[in-house]
Amino acid sequence: MKIKEPRRPILACLGLAVAFLLVSERVRAQADFYKGKNITIIQGRQPGGTGDMRVRAVIPFLRKYIPGSPMIASEYMPGGGGRKAANHIYHSARPDGLNIGNVGTGLVANAVLGETGVQYDLEKLIYLGSPYSSYHALFLSRREVGLHSLEKLRDASGIRVGAHAVGSATYLEGRLFARIVGLKEPRFITAYSGPELDVAIVRGEIDARSSSTDTVMRRNRDWVERNLMDFHVIFEVPKGEKHPHFAHLPELETFARSDMERKLLVLQRAFKIAGAPFILPPRTPADKVKILQEAMRRTFNDPEFHKEFKKLTGEDSTPLMPEALDKVVRELPRDAGIIELFKKIAGPGPLPPY
């Protein structure tokens, strides 16, 4: 007797059933791994500033989209403009999918510039994305100092410019503003956190500082509404993107006196577009990387995340997805002459002469 072969529709259904079971098992395994676990986000900064608020906006949505909904908490590791935290992620944090880093723009800049203390390789870190890639920096001074115009600002000597640690974003931006605008013998006073800088300039401990437009509008709106500060210059990332409250300010590149100075600003724009990357240690298992990258994509695409980000930071989220961030890092300009000058401006010594 001839045995009939099973009909193809039956085989197809069986194949689909097996595939569904395999996918379900994989999803269940992912959920089982993260369920009841604790993820630590190691931040290369002190708590309370804008960078911390950006991370806080991400956390509840990241937890929502990671299978198993693990608990997520921040650990703060300031030092060296993000170098301490980045080195820890690279060398000491366990590559188990439970340790994530968020360092800030110093992560990329310090490595490309070859700064001392950098013990990590950008090419080997694993990128999860960044919550923002658009940025505006301001240079402002305390109104009581009397620097009400660019002419007075440039004529003054020994202006005290406050910043975080050497190598931090506020330090580098303050130095770039001073160099490109042409301040006379500015003094840079460091070791402040973001909120401490706010207090220091109000009290008159410092005369001027760099700050992001979004930080000013979220944390210090009265500086604008009550004319407590003089706002002098803006740095646009990307170039040409105007901020609604500060569109009248001159853009920093208009003060550049040479092609070298213009290239300095091109490099800084490239650093800022990278935003504040979320990173994983090298050798993190591929399955965990895939889970976390997908959770970050879904976070950045969630309209409720954008609302929360705006509420906490005062700025609109302009995210870079994992693949785009990885591409930005690998295509950064690395002109040796520009990097040498950039390093001198970013370093602790006097600003280099023109």
Protein backbone atom coordinates (compact mmCIF):
# COMPACT_ATOMS: atom_id res chain seq x y z
CA MET A 1 0.00 0.00 0.00
CA LYS A 2 1.31 3.42 -1.00
CA ILE A 3 1.67 5.90 1.86
CA LYS A 4 0.59 9.42 1.04
CA GLU A 5 3.03 12.22 1.81
CA PRO A 6 1.79 14.93 4.18
CA ARG A 7 0.31 17.83 2.32
CA ARG A 8 2.42 21.01 2.17
CA PRO A 9 -0.06 23.22 4.07
CA ILE A 10 0.21 20.85 7.04
CA LEU A 11 4.01 20.99 6.90
CA ALA A 12 3.91 24.78 6.66
CA CYS A 13 1.68 25.00 9.72
CA LEU A 14 3.98 22.71 11.64
CA GLY A 15 6.98 24.88 10.63
CA LEU A 16 5.22 28.04 11.78
CA ALA A 17 4.30 26.39 15.07
CA VAL A 18 7.90 25.35 15.67
CA ALA A 19 9.17 28.82 14.76
CA PHE A 20 6.64 30.42 17.11
CA LEU A 21 7.69 28.14 19.93
CA LEU A 22 11.38 28.96 19.34
CA VAL A 23 10.71 32.70 19.28
CA SER A 24 8.54 32.44 22.39
CA GLU A 25 11.25 30.48 24.15
CA ARG A 26 13.85 33.08 23.20
CA VAL A 27 11.66 35.95 24.45
CA ARG A 28 10.96 34.02 27.65
CA ALA A 29 14.70 33.42 28.13
CA GLN A 30 15.37 37.14 27.72
CA ALA A 31 12.68 38.00 30.23
CA ASP A 32 13.95 35.35 32.60
CA PHE A 33 17.47 36.83 32.47
CA TYR A 34 16.45 40.40 33.30
CA LYS A 35 13.51 39.64 35.58
CA GLY A 36 14.44 40.53 39.15
CA LYS A 37 17.85 41.86 38.08
CA ASN A 38 19.35 45.30 38.73
CA ILE A 39 20.94 47.36 35.96
CA THR A 40 23.41 50.07 36.95
CA ILE A 41 23.94 53.15 34.79
CA ILE A 42 27.36 54.58 35.67
CA GLN A 43 27.26 58.31 35.04
CA GLY A 44 30.47 60.28 34.58
CA ARG A 45 29.13 63.30 36.40
CA GLN A 46 27.68 64.52 39.67
CA PRO A 47 23.91 64.28 40.25
CA GLY A 48 21.47 67.09 39.60
CA GLY A 49 22.76 68.64 36.37
CA THR A 50 21.27 68.54 32.89
CA GLY A 51 23.21 65.39 31.96
CA ASP A 52 21.72 63.58 34.94
CA MET A 53 18.22 64.75 33.96
CA ARG A 54 18.69 63.31 30.47
CA VAL A 55 19.51 59.92 31.95
CA ARG A 56 16.61 60.11 34.39
CA ALA A 57 14.25 60.71 31.46
CA VAL A 58 15.48 57.53 29.77
CA ILE A 59 15.39 55.17 32.77
CA PRO A 60 11.63 54.43 33.15
CA PHE A 61 11.20 53.80 29.42
CA LEU A 62 14.31 51.66 29.15
CA ARG A 63 12.95 49.57 32.02
CA LYS A 64 9.60 49.36 30.24
CA TYR A 65 11.12 48.02 27.02
CA ILE A 66 13.67 45.57 28.43
CA PRO A 67 12.03 42.14 28.76
CA GLY A 68 11.60 41.33 32.43
CA SER A 69 11.47 45.03 33.47
CA PRO A 70 14.63 45.05 35.63
CA MET A 71 15.28 47.75 38.19
CA ILE A 72 17.58 50.50 36.89
CA ALA A 73 19.58 52.88 39.10
CA SER A 74 22.35 55.42 38.57
CA GLU A 75 25.80 55.38 40.13
CA TYR A 76 27.72 58.67 39.90
CA MET A 77 31.42 58.60 39.12
CA PRO A 78 32.65 62.14 38.30
CA GLY A 79 36.26 62.84 37.49
CA GLY A 80 38.51 63.79 34.60
CA GLY A 81 35.72 65.11 32.39
CA GLY A 82 34.21 61.62 32.19
CA ARG A 83 37.49 59.70 31.93
CA LYS A 84 37.13 57.99 35.32
CA ALA A 85 33.72 56.54 34.46
CA ALA A 86 34.70 55.61 30.91
CA ASN A 87 37.82 53.79 32.13
CA HIS A 88 35.71 51.95 34.69
CA ILE A 89 33.19 50.83 32.06
CA TYR A 90 35.98 49.70 29.75
CA HIS A 91 38.16 47.84 32.25
CA SER A 92 36.23 47.07 35.44
CA ALA A 93 32.49 46.88 34.80
CA ARG A 94 31.32 43.32 34.20
CA PRO A 95 30.27 42.78 30.55
CA ASP A 96 27.10 40.99 31.58
CA GLY A 97 24.39 43.28 30.19
CA LEU A 98 23.77 44.76 33.64
CA ASN A 99 26.28 47.63 33.47
CA ILE A 100 25.67 50.63 31.21
CA GLY A 101 27.69 53.82 31.01
CA ASN A 102 26.66 57.39 30.22
CA VAL A 103 29.63 59.72 30.18
CA GLY A 104 28.84 62.84 28.13
CA THR A 105 30.64 64.47 25.22
CA GLY A 106 33.98 64.03 26.98
CA LEU A 107 33.86 60.31 26.16
CA VAL A 108 34.56 60.90 22.48
CA ALA A 109 36.53 64.14 22.71
CA ASN A 110 39.03 62.90 25.29
CA ALA A 111 39.80 59.79 23.24
CA VAL A 112 40.16 61.55 19.88
CA LEU A 113 42.34 64.24 21.44
CA GLY A 114 44.55 61.61 23.10
CA GLU A 115 44.13 63.16 26.55
CA THR A 116 46.12 61.76 29.44
CA GLY A 117 44.24 59.28 31.56
CA VAL A 118 42.22 57.84 28.68
CA GLN A 119 42.45 54.06 29.06
CA TYR A 120 39.63 53.02 26.75
CA ASP A 121 39.31 52.39 23.02
CA LEU A 122 36.37 54.06 21.28
CA GLU A 123 36.39 51.36 18.61
CA LYS A 124 35.81 48.60 21.17
CA LEU A 125 33.05 50.21 23.22
CA ILE A 126 29.50 49.20 22.31
CA TYR A 127 27.01 51.99 21.62
CA LEU A 128 23.34 52.07 22.58
CA GLY A 129 22.55 55.55 21.26
CA SER A 130 22.27 59.09 22.59
CA PRO A 131 19.16 61.02 23.64
CA TYR A 132 20.25 64.21 21.90
CA SER A 133 22.38 65.37 18.98
CA SER A 134 21.28 69.01 18.75
CA TYR A 135 22.91 71.48 21.11
CA HIS A 136 23.33 75.21 21.68
CA ALA A 137 25.97 76.64 24.00
CA LEU A 138 25.90 80.18 25.39
CA PHE A 139 28.57 82.43 26.84
CA LEU A 140 27.08 84.66 29.52
CA SER A 141 28.24 87.03 32.24
CA ARG A 142 26.77 88.33 35.49
CA ARG A 143 24.99 91.61 34.80
CA GLU A 144 26.53 93.39 37.79
CA VAL A 145 29.98 92.97 36.22
CA GLY A 146 28.91 95.50 33.61
CA LEU A 147 29.95 93.66 30.45
CA HIS A 148 26.81 94.69 28.61
CA SER A 149 28.27 94.60 25.08
CA LEU A 150 30.75 92.54 23.11
CA GLU A 151 33.10 95.50 23.06
CA LYS A 152 33.15 95.69 26.88
CA LEU A 153 33.52 91.94 27.11
CA ARG A 154 36.56 91.97 24.83
CA ASP A 155 38.11 95.02 26.50
CA ALA A 156 37.87 93.56 30.03
CA SER A 157 40.90 91.74 31.44
CA GLY A 158 41.07 88.79 33.83
CA ILE A 159 37.42 87.74 33.64
CA ARG A 160 36.77 84.81 36.00
CA VAL A 161 35.16 82.01 33.96
CA GLY A 162 33.63 79.17 36.00
CA ALA A 163 33.49 75.55 34.84
CA HIS A 164 33.38 71.91 35.89
CA ALA A 165 36.63 69.93 35.92
CA VAL A 166 39.34 70.44 33.32
CA GLY A 167 38.24 68.46 30.27
CA SER A 168 34.52 68.83 30.98
CA ALA A 169 32.07 70.29 28.46
CA THR A 170 31.60 73.58 30.31
CA TYR A 171 35.37 74.02 30.66
CA LEU A 172 36.11 73.32 27.00
CA GLU A 173 33.24 75.49 25.77
CA GLY A 174 34.28 78.36 28.04
CA ARG A 175 37.83 78.11 26.70
CA LEU A 176 36.65 78.00 23.07
CA PHE A 177 34.43 81.03 23.60
CA ALA A 178 37.31 82.91 25.25
CA ARG A 179 39.75 82.00 22.48
CA ILE A 180 37.51 82.66 19.48
CA VAL A 181 35.86 85.82 20.82
CA GLY A 182 39.24 87.15 21.99
CA LEU A 183 39.02 87.66 25.76
CA LYS A 184 42.03 89.20 27.50
CA GLU A 185 43.78 86.90 30.00
CA PRO A 186 40.64 85.10 31.25
CA ARG A 187 40.96 83.11 34.49
CA PHE A 188 39.32 79.68 34.56
CA ILE A 189 37.98 78.50 37.92
CA THR A 190 37.03 74.82 38.01
CA ALA A 191 35.65 72.06 40.29
CA TYR A 192 32.03 73.26 40.32
CA SER A 193 29.05 71.02 39.63
CA GLY A 194 26.29 72.40 37.38
CA PRO A 195 24.06 73.66 40.21
CA GLU A 196 27.12 75.02 42.05
CA LEU A 197 28.04 77.08 38.99
CA ASP A 198 24.56 78.63 39.06
CA VAL A 199 25.05 79.67 42.68
CA ALA A 200 28.62 80.86 42.10
CA ILE A 201 27.74 83.28 39.31
CA VAL A 202 24.73 84.68 41.20
CA ARG A 203 26.92 85.27 44.28
CA GLY A 204 29.67 86.89 42.25
CA GLU A 205 32.29 84.18 42.87
CA ILE A 206 32.73 84.02 39.10
CA ASP A 207 32.02 86.58 36.38
CA ALA A 208 31.07 84.40 33.44
CA ARG A 209 30.41 80.84 32.29
CA SER A 210 29.34 78.68 29.39
CA SER A 211 25.96 76.96 29.61
CA SER A 212 23.54 75.23 27.28
CA THR A 213 20.46 77.14 26.18
CA ASP A 214 18.26 74.36 27.48
CA THR A 215 19.86 74.42 30.92
CA VAL A 216 19.28 78.17 31.12
CA MET A 217 15.64 77.88 30.06
CA ARG A 218 14.94 74.96 32.39
CA ARG A 219 16.94 75.84 35.47
CA ASN A 220 17.59 79.58 35.21
CA ARG A 221 14.75 81.11 33.23
CA ASP A 222 14.74 84.11 35.57
CA TRP A 223 18.20 85.02 34.23
CA VAL A 224 16.44 85.78 30.95
CA GLU A 225 13.13 87.12 32.22
CA ARG A 226 14.68 89.42 34.87
CA ASN A 227 17.79 90.37 32.87
CA LEU A 228 20.12 88.98 35.52
CA MET A 229 22.74 87.94 32.97
CA ASP A 230 24.21 89.33 29.76
CA PHE A 231 24.13 86.77 26.95
CA HIS A 232 26.90 87.42 24.44
CA VAL A 233 27.49 84.61 21.93
CA ILE A 234 25.93 81.29 20.89
CA PHE A 235 27.45 78.12 19.42
CA GLU A 236 25.04 76.18 17.20
CA VAL A 237 25.05 72.42 16.74
CA PRO A 238 24.25 71.75 13.97
CA LYS A 239 25.38 75.03 12.43
CA GLY A 240 22.49 77.20 11.30
CA GLU A 241 19.93 75.73 13.71
CA LYS A 242 18.54 78.77 15.51
CA HIS A 243 17.29 78.69 19.08
CA PRO A 244 13.92 80.47 19.49
CA HIS A 245 15.02 82.50 22.54
CA PHE A 246 18.56 83.34 21.44
CA ALA A 247 18.36 83.65 17.65
CA HIS A 248 19.52 87.27 17.89
CA LEU A 249 22.94 86.36 19.32
CA PRO A 250 25.99 86.21 17.03
CA GLU A 251 27.21 82.69 16.23
CA LEU A 252 30.68 81.86 17.52
CA GLU A 253 32.10 81.01 14.11
CA THR A 254 31.57 84.62 12.95
CA PHE A 255 34.44 85.58 15.27
CA ALA A 256 36.89 83.05 13.79
CA ARG A 257 39.99 84.81 12.44
CA SER A 258 41.51 81.92 10.52
CA ASP A 259 40.77 78.65 8.80
CA MET A 260 42.41 76.93 11.77
CA GLU A 261 39.88 78.41 14.19
CA ARG A 262 37.00 77.46 11.90
CA LYS A 263 38.27 73.88 11.83
CA LEU A 264 38.42 73.89 15.63
CA LEU A 265 34.70 74.60 15.66
CA VAL A 266 34.04 71.91 13.03
CA LEU A 267 35.70 69.38 15.34
CA GLN A 268 33.76 70.59 18.37
CA ARG A 269 30.49 70.34 16.45
CA ALA A 270 31.35 66.75 15.57
CA PHE A 271 31.96 65.99 19.25
CA LYS A 272 28.66 67.55 20.30
CA ILE A 273 26.60 65.72 17.66
CA ALA A 274 27.69 62.50 19.35
CA GLY A 275 25.71 63.76 22.35
CA ALA A 276 25.94 61.86 25.62
CA PRO A 277 26.37 58.24 24.51
CA PHE A 278 25.01 55.26 26.39
CA ILE A 279 27.72 52.60 26.19
CA LEU A 280 28.36 48.99 27.13
CA PRO A 281 31.67 47.37 28.11
CA PRO A 282 33.54 45.46 25.41
CA ARG A 283 32.72 41.74 25.27
CA THR A 284 29.13 42.23 26.41
CA PRO A 285 27.30 39.18 24.95
CA ALA A 286 25.68 39.82 21.59
CA ASP A 287 22.23 38.72 22.78
CA LYS A 288 22.30 41.25 25.63
CA VAL A 289 23.53 43.98 23.27
CA LYS A 290 20.65 43.27 20.92
CA ILE A 291 18.10 43.45 23.75
CA LEU A 292 19.44 46.75 25.10
CA GLN A 293 19.83 48.40 21.70
CA GLU A 294 16.28 47.49 20.76
CA ALA A 295 14.99 48.77 24.12
CA MET A 296 16.82 52.06 23.52
CA ARG A 297 15.37 52.36 20.00
CA ARG A 298 11.86 51.82 21.35
CA THR A 299 12.52 54.35 24.12
CA PHE A 300 13.62 57.02 21.64
CA ASN A 301 10.58 56.33 19.44
CA ASP A 302 8.09 56.59 22.31
CA PRO A 303 6.17 59.91 22.26
CA GLU A 304 5.81 59.75 26.05
CA PHE A 305 9.62 59.65 26.40
CA HIS A 306 9.88 62.89 24.44
CA LYS A 307 7.37 64.52 26.77
CA GLU A 308 9.26 63.33 29.86
CA PHE A 309 12.60 64.42 28.39
CA LYS A 310 11.19 67.91 27.74
CA LYS A 311 9.75 68.11 31.24
CA LEU A 312 12.97 67.14 32.99
CA THR A 313 15.54 68.90 30.79
CA GLY A 314 13.66 71.76 29.17
CA GLU A 315 15.00 70.62 25.78
CA ASP A 316 13.66 68.56 22.90
CA SER A 317 15.14 65.12 22.50
CA THR A 318 16.98 64.70 19.19
CA PRO A 319 18.14 61.10 19.55
CA LEU A 320 20.84 59.21 17.70
CA MET A 321 20.04 55.53 17.28
CA PRO A 322 22.78 52.95 18.02
CA GLU A 323 23.92 52.50 14.43
CA ALA A 324 23.99 56.25 13.71
CA LEU A 325 26.01 56.93 16.86
CA ASP A 326 28.48 54.18 15.99
CA LYS A 327 28.92 55.78 12.53
CA VAL A 328 29.46 59.27 13.98
CA VAL A 329 32.19 58.01 16.31
CA ARG A 330 34.05 56.21 13.54
CA GLU A 331 33.89 59.15 11.09
CA LEU A 332 35.15 61.89 13.41
CA PRO A 333 37.80 64.15 11.82
CA ARG A 334 41.29 63.46 13.14
CA ASP A 335 43.49 66.18 11.59
CA ALA A 336 46.72 66.15 13.64
CA GLY A 337 47.30 69.92 13.56
CA ILE A 338 43.77 70.79 14.62
CA ILE A 339 43.86 68.17 17.35
CA GLU A 340 47.10 69.58 18.74
CA LEU A 341 45.61 73.09 19.00
CA PHE A 342 42.32 71.73 20.34
CA LYS A 343 44.20 69.87 23.08
CA LYS A 344 45.95 73.04 24.19
CA ILE A 345 42.62 74.83 24.46
CA ALA A 346 41.08 71.87 26.32
CA GLY A 347 44.04 71.53 28.70
CA PRO A 348 44.91 73.19 32.01
CA GLY A 349 47.55 75.62 30.73
CA PRO A 350 47.15 79.16 29.42
CA LEU A 351 45.19 79.61 26.22
CA PRO A 352 47.54 79.36 23.22
CA PRO A 353 48.42 82.67 21.52
CA TYR A 354 46.79 83.60 18.23
